[in-house]
Amino acid sequence: MIRFVAHLAAAVSVFALALAASLPAKAHPHVFVDAKAEIVFDANGRIAAVRHIWQFDEAFTSYATLNLDADNNGELTDAELAPLARTNVESLQEFDFFTYLTIGNRKIPFVPPTEYFLQFHDQRLTLFYTLPLSEPATVDAPAELESSIRSTSSPSRS
């Protein structure tokens, strides 16, 4: 059984802080995210990747997209959103993409995503990124997928 544990309110605050460093601002906003994760299996039934979908709240959407409309036409294109998507994904790498997978006692490593983009859904900025495993993993023991901030000082985490 794969269990997905979401502690994204705090995780996204750290993410917003990293993102805010690249945007002109005097203070960083609080960010709320509706998050989903999908397990991607290969043809042999092994876990190959985790696909994340993060839909940001309206306030952060307005803040993050401020001044991105390069042609001033009132609509953000995929090309105008691409640099922000890249910044998002590069910022997440520092925090292990807030994604941890264990199978039995094995910690399964990920590699940085190459598939990522931003779109608007219900007028909210939504980040899609697929986080590949370093190599596909067979689920031969209980597995746990966790999305959260991990403290290096926590005795239960390393």
C-alpha atoms as a PDB file:
ATOM      1  CA  MET A   1       0.000   0.000   0.000  1.00  0.00           C
ATOM      2  CA  ILE A   2       1.354   3.393  -0.884  1.00  0.00           C
ATOM      3  CA  ARG A   3       0.420   6.130   1.541  1.00  0.00           C
ATOM      4  CA  PHE A   4       0.603   9.773   0.592  1.00  0.00           C
ATOM      5  CA  VAL A   5       1.069  12.088   3.556  1.00  0.00           C
ATOM      6  CA  ALA A   6       0.664  15.770   2.770  1.00  0.00           C
ATOM      7  CA  HIS A   7       2.119  18.478   4.974  1.00  0.00           C
ATOM      8  CA  LEU A   8       2.266  21.039   2.195  1.00  0.00           C
ATOM      9  CA  ALA A   9       1.141  24.177   4.015  1.00  0.00           C
ATOM     10  CA  ALA A  10       4.551  24.520   5.647  1.00  0.00           C
ATOM     11  CA  ALA A  11       6.376  23.118   2.631  1.00  0.00           C
ATOM     12  CA  VAL A  12       4.836  25.628   0.297  1.00  0.00           C
ATOM     13  CA  SER A  13       5.756  28.494   2.621  1.00  0.00           C
ATOM     14  CA  VAL A  14       9.408  27.540   2.197  1.00  0.00           C
ATOM     15  CA  PHE A  15       8.836  27.128  -1.547  1.00  0.00           C
ATOM     16  CA  ALA A  16       7.228  30.594  -1.701  1.00  0.00           C
ATOM     17  CA  LEU A  17      10.205  32.064   0.122  1.00  0.00           C
ATOM     18  CA  ALA A  18      12.565  30.569  -2.450  1.00  0.00           C
ATOM     19  CA  LEU A  19      10.355  31.790  -5.266  1.00  0.00           C
ATOM     20  CA  ALA A  20       9.981  35.234  -3.723  1.00  0.00           C
ATOM     21  CA  ALA A  21      13.743  35.665  -3.853  1.00  0.00           C
ATOM     22  CA  SER A  22      13.439  35.765  -7.631  1.00  0.00           C
ATOM     23  CA  LEU A  23      10.505  38.198  -7.663  1.00  0.00           C
ATOM     24  CA  PRO A  24      10.450  41.866  -6.607  1.00  0.00           C
ATOM     25  CA  ALA A  25       8.782  41.974  -3.205  1.00  0.00           C
ATOM     26  CA  LYS A  26       9.091  43.506   0.235  1.00  0.00           C
ATOM     27  CA  ALA A  27       7.563  40.538   2.098  1.00  0.00           C
ATOM     28  CA  HIS A  28       6.740  36.969   1.223  1.00  0.00           C
ATOM     29  CA  PRO A  29       3.078  35.948   1.161  1.00  0.00           C
ATOM     30  CA  HIS A  30       1.442  32.993   2.813  1.00  0.00           C
ATOM     31  CA  VAL A  31       0.705  30.369   0.210  1.00  0.00           C
ATOM     32  CA  PHE A  32      -1.953  27.709   0.186  1.00  0.00           C
ATOM     33  CA  VAL A  33      -1.792  24.795  -2.228  1.00  0.00           C
ATOM     34  CA  ASP A  34      -4.167  22.076  -3.271  1.00  0.00           C
ATOM     35  CA  ALA A  35      -1.715  19.262  -3.962  1.00  0.00           C
ATOM     36  CA  LYS A  36      -2.056  15.915  -5.664  1.00  0.00           C
ATOM     37  CA  ALA A  37       0.468  13.234  -6.470  1.00  0.00           C
ATOM     38  CA  GLU A  38       0.175  10.411  -8.964  1.00  0.00           C
ATOM     39  CA  ILE A  39       2.368   7.330  -8.989  1.00  0.00           C
ATOM     40  CA  VAL A  40       3.666   6.549 -12.479  1.00  0.00           C
ATOM     41  CA  PHE A  41       4.415   2.893 -13.208  1.00  0.00           C
ATOM     42  CA  ASP A  42       6.461   1.541 -16.103  1.00  0.00           C
ATOM     43  CA  ALA A  43       5.441  -1.347 -18.378  1.00  0.00           C
ATOM     44  CA  ASN A  44       6.949  -3.835 -15.876  1.00  0.00           C
ATOM     45  CA  GLY A  45       4.839  -2.566 -12.972  1.00  0.00           C
ATOM     46  CA  ARG A  46       7.708  -0.750 -11.250  1.00  0.00           C
ATOM     47  CA  ILE A  47       7.406   2.776  -9.870  1.00  0.00           C
ATOM     48  CA  ALA A  48       9.088   5.050 -12.416  1.00  0.00           C
ATOM     49  CA  ALA A  49       8.104   8.547 -11.256  1.00  0.00           C
ATOM     50  CA  VAL A  50       5.836  10.694  -9.118  1.00  0.00           C
ATOM     51  CA  ARG A  51       3.728  13.270 -10.931  1.00  0.00           C
ATOM     52  CA  HIS A  52       2.931  16.305  -8.783  1.00  0.00           C
ATOM     53  CA  ILE A  53       0.140  18.788  -9.372  1.00  0.00           C
ATOM     54  CA  TRP A  54       0.172  21.882  -7.154  1.00  0.00           C
ATOM     55  CA  GLN A  55      -2.637  24.388  -7.552  1.00  0.00           C
ATOM     56  CA  PHE A  56      -1.781  27.671  -5.824  1.00  0.00           C
ATOM     57  CA  ASP A  57      -4.315  29.931  -4.132  1.00  0.00           C
ATOM     58  CA  GLU A  58      -5.667  33.052  -5.842  1.00  0.00           C
ATOM     59  CA  ALA A  59      -3.541  35.502  -3.826  1.00  0.00           C
ATOM     60  CA  PHE A  60      -0.286  33.722  -4.617  1.00  0.00           C
ATOM     61  CA  THR A  61      -1.360  33.350  -8.244  1.00  0.00           C
ATOM     62  CA  SER A  62      -1.719  37.126  -8.515  1.00  0.00           C
ATOM     63  CA  TYR A  63       1.553  37.745  -6.694  1.00  0.00           C
ATOM     64  CA  ALA A  64       3.632  35.194  -8.635  1.00  0.00           C
ATOM     65  CA  THR A  65       2.381  36.276 -12.041  1.00  0.00           C
ATOM     66  CA  LEU A  66       2.774  40.013 -11.471  1.00  0.00           C
ATOM     67  CA  ASN A  67       4.689  41.584 -14.380  1.00  0.00           C
ATOM     68  CA  LEU A  68       5.020  38.307 -16.333  1.00  0.00           C
ATOM     69  CA  ASP A  69       2.787  39.438 -19.220  1.00  0.00           C
ATOM     70  CA  ALA A  70       5.635  40.514 -21.524  1.00  0.00           C
ATOM     71  CA  ASP A  71       3.385  41.510 -24.431  1.00  0.00           C
ATOM     72  CA  ASN A  72       0.840  43.233 -22.144  1.00  0.00           C
ATOM     73  CA  ASN A  73      -2.102  41.460 -23.793  1.00  0.00           C
ATOM     74  CA  GLY A  74      -3.734  40.449 -20.509  1.00  0.00           C
ATOM     75  CA  GLU A  75      -3.036  36.737 -20.975  1.00  0.00           C
ATOM     76  CA  LEU A  76      -0.038  34.681 -19.925  1.00  0.00           C
ATOM     77  CA  THR A  77       1.249  32.270 -22.549  1.00  0.00           C
ATOM     78  CA  ASP A  78       3.148  29.047 -21.933  1.00  0.00           C
ATOM     79  CA  ALA A  79       6.302  30.889 -23.051  1.00  0.00           C
ATOM     80  CA  GLU A  80       5.711  33.669 -20.511  1.00  0.00           C
ATOM     81  CA  LEU A  81       5.101  31.121 -17.725  1.00  0.00           C
ATOM     82  CA  ALA A  82       8.083  28.882 -18.605  1.00  0.00           C
ATOM     83  CA  PRO A  83      10.745  30.914 -16.715  1.00  0.00           C
ATOM     84  CA  LEU A  84       8.581  30.881 -13.573  1.00  0.00           C
ATOM     85  CA  ALA A  85       8.066  27.112 -13.911  1.00  0.00           C
ATOM     86  CA  ARG A  86      11.842  26.646 -14.221  1.00  0.00           C
ATOM     87  CA  THR A  87      12.418  28.831 -11.130  1.00  0.00           C
ATOM     88  CA  ASN A  88       9.815  26.810  -9.208  1.00  0.00           C
ATOM     89  CA  VAL A  89      11.416  23.474 -10.070  1.00  0.00           C
ATOM     90  CA  GLU A  90      14.986  24.685  -9.482  1.00  0.00           C
ATOM     91  CA  SER A  91      13.945  26.062  -6.071  1.00  0.00           C
ATOM     92  CA  LEU A  92      12.322  22.768  -5.105  1.00  0.00           C
ATOM     93  CA  GLN A  93      15.506  20.789  -5.758  1.00  0.00           C
ATOM     94  CA  GLU A  94      17.144  22.338  -2.694  1.00  0.00           C
ATOM     95  CA  PHE A  95      14.346  20.767  -0.609  1.00  0.00           C
ATOM     96  CA  ASP A  96      14.383  17.329  -2.303  1.00  0.00           C
ATOM     97  CA  PHE A  97      11.176  18.404  -4.075  1.00  0.00           C
ATOM     98  CA  PHE A  98       9.429  17.791  -0.724  1.00  0.00           C
ATOM     99  CA  THR A  99       9.072  14.189  -1.900  1.00  0.00           C
ATOM    100  CA  TYR A 100      10.276  11.064  -0.085  1.00  0.00           C
ATOM    101  CA  LEU A 101       9.661   7.488  -1.159  1.00  0.00           C
ATOM    102  CA  THR A 102      10.573   4.416   0.848  1.00  0.00           C
ATOM    103  CA  ILE A 103      10.022   0.778  -0.042  1.00  0.00           C
ATOM    104  CA  GLY A 104      10.606  -1.344   3.006  1.00  0.00           C
ATOM    105  CA  ASN A 105      13.731   0.170   4.570  1.00  0.00           C
ATOM    106  CA  ARG A 106      15.110   1.490   1.274  1.00  0.00           C
ATOM    107  CA  LYS A 107      15.064   5.210   0.537  1.00  0.00           C
ATOM    108  CA  ILE A 108      14.371   5.591  -3.171  1.00  0.00           C
ATOM    109  CA  PRO A 109      16.303   8.441  -4.831  1.00  0.00           C
ATOM    110  CA  PHE A 110      14.866  10.821  -7.411  1.00  0.00           C
ATOM    111  CA  VAL A 111      16.499  12.810 -10.197  1.00  0.00           C
ATOM    112  CA  PRO A 112      15.482  16.373 -11.106  1.00  0.00           C
ATOM    113  CA  PRO A 113      12.439  16.663 -13.331  1.00  0.00           C
ATOM    114  CA  THR A 114      12.767  17.508 -16.989  1.00  0.00           C
ATOM    115  CA  GLU A 115       8.996  17.579 -17.527  1.00  0.00           C
ATOM    116  CA  TYR A 116       7.396  20.585 -15.817  1.00  0.00           C
ATOM    117  CA  PHE A 117       5.107  23.466 -16.690  1.00  0.00           C
ATOM    118  CA  LEU A 118       2.622  25.969 -15.312  1.00  0.00           C
ATOM    119  CA  GLN A 119      -0.971  26.425 -16.460  1.00  0.00           C
ATOM    120  CA  PHE A 120      -4.072  28.156 -15.206  1.00  0.00           C
ATOM    121  CA  HIS A 121      -6.942  26.011 -13.938  1.00  0.00           C
ATOM    122  CA  ASP A 122      -9.991  27.728 -12.450  1.00  0.00           C
ATOM    123  CA  GLN A 123      -8.020  31.003 -12.625  1.00  0.00           C
ATOM    124  CA  ARG A 124      -5.342  29.567 -10.318  1.00  0.00           C
ATOM    125  CA  LEU A 125      -1.721  28.984 -11.200  1.00  0.00           C
ATOM    126  CA  THR A 126      -1.030  25.248 -11.285  1.00  0.00           C
ATOM    127  CA  LEU A 127       2.433  23.662 -11.322  1.00  0.00           C
ATOM    128  CA  PHE A 128       2.804  20.245 -12.933  1.00  0.00           C
ATOM    129  CA  TYR A 129       6.077  18.365 -12.562  1.00  0.00           C
ATOM    130  CA  THR A 130       7.076  14.744 -12.964  1.00  0.00           C
ATOM    131  CA  LEU A 131       9.794  13.577 -10.597  1.00  0.00           C
ATOM    132  CA  PRO A 132      11.558  10.485 -12.021  1.00  0.00           C
ATOM    133  CA  LEU A 133      13.150   7.884  -9.790  1.00  0.00           C
ATOM    134  CA  SER A 134      16.870   7.443 -10.414  1.00  0.00           C
ATOM    135  CA  GLU A 135      15.866   3.979 -11.646  1.00  0.00           C
ATOM    136  CA  PRO A 136      12.472   2.231 -11.585  1.00  0.00           C
ATOM    137  CA  ALA A 137      11.706   0.508  -8.277  1.00  0.00           C
ATOM    138  CA  THR A 138       9.868  -2.750  -7.672  1.00  0.00           C
ATOM    139  CA  VAL A 139       7.351  -2.600  -4.850  1.00  0.00           C
ATOM    140  CA  ASP A 140       8.415  -5.726  -2.998  1.00  0.00           C
ATOM    141  CA  ALA A 141       7.723  -4.411   0.508  1.00  0.00           C
ATOM    142  CA  PRO A 142       5.381  -1.832   2.061  1.00  0.00           C
ATOM    143  CA  ALA A 143       5.904   1.516   0.365  1.00  0.00           C
ATOM    144  CA  GLU A 144       5.329   5.057   1.607  1.00  0.00           C
ATOM    145  CA  LEU A 145       5.238   8.253  -0.417  1.00  0.00           C
ATOM    146  CA  GLU A 146       5.535  11.374   1.684  1.00  0.00           C
ATOM    147  CA  SER A 147       5.370  14.976   0.613  1.00  0.00           C
ATOM    148  CA  SER A 148       6.530  17.263   3.419  1.00  0.00           C
ATOM    149  CA  ILE A 149       9.322  19.326   4.873  1.00  0.00           C
ATOM    150  CA  ARG A 150      11.796  17.176   6.733  1.00  0.00           C
ATOM    151  CA  SER A 151      13.907  18.547   9.515  1.00  0.00           C
ATOM    152  CA  THR A 152      17.464  17.249   9.591  1.00  0.00           C
ATOM    153  CA  SER A 153      17.331  17.499  13.382  1.00  0.00           C
ATOM    154  CA  SER A 154      14.300  15.218  13.671  1.00  0.00           C
ATOM    155  CA  PRO A 155      15.227  11.906  15.318  1.00  0.00           C
ATOM    156  CA  SER A 156      12.735   9.973  13.158  1.00  0.00           C
ATOM    157  CA  ARG A 157      14.041  11.326   9.856  1.00  0.00           C
ATOM    158  CA  SER A 158      17.438  11.394   8.224  1.00  0.00           C
END
